[in-house]
Amino acid sequence: MYDIDKKSSLKETSIRPPMDGSGSREEELSRLIADDYAGKILTATYKNPMSVQQISRSCSIPIAVAYRRVAKMEEFNLIRCVGYEEVYRGKKVSYYQCAVNVAKVTFSAGRFNVEVDPLPESELVHVGEPSAERT
């Protein structure tokens, strides 16, 4: 019986440190690149800008997690706001697109290295009104 209790407690233990800014920027970027949700978001928005609500539904990601992950990915320039649309009485919805052409994670000399090649501006699809960042 002791082994069963031990196994269940191991399942509840997170091996990965949280993405809360406590590590170096390089470490945080490598965790973000390896994150399942971030991978789903990058894949879904590669050539198709989406709102966070659309990302949440199409990727089966809880809405609060989707908002946090998109904000973190935007901070690291992995995803970009490519515009917004006014949807109802002044409420605006932002659309995001993958901003990564190639991402490489390598392990050398005991360290992880992350290289991100950005998607050229010409390949980004702009939606609706220009975002505040581009004006």
Protein backbone atom coordinates (compact mmCIF):
# COMPACT_ATOMS: atom_id res chain seq x y z
CA MET A 1 0.00 0.00 0.00
CA TYR A 2 2.92 2.33 0.69
CA ASP A 3 4.08 2.07 -2.95
CA ILE A 4 0.66 3.14 -4.27
CA ASP A 5 0.63 6.23 -2.06
CA LYS A 6 4.16 7.05 -3.17
CA LYS A 7 3.24 6.73 -6.87
CA SER A 8 0.17 8.94 -6.57
CA SER A 9 2.18 11.63 -4.81
CA LEU A 10 4.78 11.53 -7.62
CA LYS A 11 2.06 12.11 -10.21
CA GLU A 12 1.05 15.30 -8.46
CA THR A 13 4.62 16.61 -8.37
CA SER A 14 5.61 18.94 -11.18
CA ILE A 15 9.06 18.29 -12.59
CA ARG A 16 9.19 21.53 -14.54
CA PRO A 17 9.63 24.86 -12.79
CA PRO A 18 6.81 27.33 -13.46
CA MET A 19 7.09 30.01 -16.15
CA ASP A 20 6.96 32.86 -13.66
CA GLY A 21 10.11 34.75 -14.57
CA SER A 22 12.17 33.21 -11.75
CA GLY A 23 14.80 31.69 -14.11
CA SER A 24 17.04 33.33 -16.68
CA ARG A 25 15.44 34.62 -19.85
CA GLU A 26 17.13 31.84 -21.86
CA GLU A 27 15.80 29.15 -19.49
CA GLU A 28 12.32 30.62 -19.58
CA LEU A 29 12.38 30.76 -23.38
CA SER A 30 13.48 27.12 -23.62
CA ARG A 31 10.65 26.07 -21.26
CA LEU A 32 8.18 28.10 -23.30
CA ILE A 33 9.33 26.57 -26.60
CA ALA A 34 8.98 23.07 -25.10
CA ASP A 35 5.54 23.79 -23.58
CA ASP A 36 2.66 21.75 -25.07
CA TYR A 37 0.21 24.66 -25.06
CA ALA A 38 2.73 27.02 -26.68
CA GLY A 39 3.36 24.42 -29.39
CA LYS A 40 -0.37 24.13 -30.07
CA ILE A 41 -0.69 27.93 -30.24
CA LEU A 42 2.25 28.32 -32.63
CA THR A 43 0.89 25.57 -34.89
CA ALA A 44 -2.67 26.92 -34.91
CA THR A 45 -1.62 30.51 -35.65
CA TYR A 46 1.21 29.83 -38.11
CA LYS A 47 -0.60 31.18 -41.19
CA ASN A 48 -3.97 31.86 -39.59
CA PRO A 49 -4.31 34.78 -37.13
CA MET A 50 -6.68 33.97 -34.28
CA SER A 51 -8.16 35.65 -31.23
CA VAL A 52 -7.37 34.19 -27.82
CA GLN A 53 -10.94 32.87 -27.65
CA GLN A 54 -10.46 31.05 -30.97
CA ILE A 55 -7.08 29.71 -29.82
CA SER A 56 -8.66 28.44 -26.61
CA ARG A 57 -11.45 26.60 -28.47
CA SER A 58 -9.42 25.19 -31.36
CA CYS A 59 -6.49 24.05 -29.19
CA SER A 60 -8.60 22.84 -26.22
CA ILE A 61 -6.75 25.16 -23.85
CA PRO A 62 -8.55 26.69 -20.84
CA ILE A 63 -9.25 30.36 -21.59
CA ALA A 64 -7.26 31.74 -18.62
CA VAL A 65 -4.25 29.60 -19.58
CA ALA A 66 -4.57 30.72 -23.21
CA TYR A 67 -4.49 34.41 -22.20
CA ARG A 68 -1.44 33.88 -19.95
CA ARG A 69 0.43 31.82 -22.53
CA VAL A 70 -0.28 34.27 -25.37
CA ALA A 71 0.95 37.16 -23.18
CA LYS A 72 4.14 35.26 -22.29
CA MET A 73 4.70 34.25 -25.93
CA GLU A 74 4.20 37.85 -27.06
CA GLU A 75 6.77 38.97 -24.46
CA PHE A 76 9.31 36.60 -26.07
CA ASN A 77 8.31 37.61 -29.64
CA LEU A 78 7.08 34.11 -30.48
CA ILE A 79 3.65 35.42 -31.39
CA ARG A 80 2.53 38.88 -32.56
CA CYS A 81 -0.64 40.88 -32.45
CA VAL A 82 -1.41 41.46 -36.13
CA GLY A 83 -4.52 43.58 -35.71
CA TYR A 84 -7.86 43.86 -34.06
CA GLU A 85 -11.51 44.16 -34.90
CA GLU A 86 -14.27 45.99 -33.14
CA VAL A 87 -16.88 43.36 -32.40
CA TYR A 88 -19.52 44.91 -30.18
CA ARG A 89 -20.09 48.45 -28.85
CA GLY A 90 -16.43 49.41 -28.92
CA LYS A 91 -15.14 46.08 -27.63
CA LYS A 92 -12.05 45.12 -29.59
CA VAL A 93 -10.69 41.64 -30.15
CA SER A 94 -6.98 41.25 -30.87
CA TYR A 95 -5.70 38.67 -33.36
CA TYR A 96 -2.39 36.90 -32.91
CA GLN A 97 -0.13 35.08 -35.36
CA CYS A 98 2.93 32.89 -34.95
CA ALA A 99 6.03 35.04 -35.45
CA VAL A 100 8.49 32.13 -35.62
CA ASN A 101 9.95 30.74 -38.81
CA VAL A 102 12.40 28.31 -37.15
CA ALA A 103 13.06 27.53 -33.48
CA LYS A 104 16.00 25.37 -32.44
CA VAL A 105 16.75 24.06 -28.97
CA THR A 106 20.20 22.49 -28.61
CA PHE A 107 22.06 21.02 -25.67
CA SER A 108 25.80 21.59 -25.70
CA ALA A 109 28.46 21.66 -22.98
CA GLY A 110 25.85 21.13 -20.29
CA ARG A 111 23.61 24.03 -21.35
CA PHE A 112 20.46 24.43 -23.39
CA ASN A 113 20.67 27.02 -26.17
CA VAL A 114 17.64 28.44 -27.96
CA GLU A 115 17.75 30.05 -31.40
CA VAL A 116 14.62 31.64 -32.83
CA ASP A 117 14.47 32.78 -36.45
CA PRO A 118 11.56 35.24 -36.79
CA LEU A 119 8.98 35.02 -39.53
CA PRO A 120 9.53 37.87 -42.05
CA GLU A 121 7.13 40.79 -41.63
CA SER A 122 5.93 40.22 -45.21
CA GLU A 123 4.57 36.79 -44.22
CA LEU A 124 2.42 38.09 -41.37
CA VAL A 125 -1.29 38.41 -42.17
CA HIS A 126 -2.75 41.65 -40.85
CA VAL A 127 -6.35 41.61 -39.62
CA GLY A 128 -8.91 44.40 -39.36
CA GLU A 129 -7.66 47.67 -37.96
CA PRO A 130 -3.93 48.08 -37.30
CA SER A 131 -2.86 47.19 -33.77
CA ALA A 132 -1.63 49.94 -31.45
CA GLU A 133 1.91 48.52 -31.70
CA ARG A 134 2.10 49.16 -35.43
CA THR A 135 0.58 52.66 -35.49
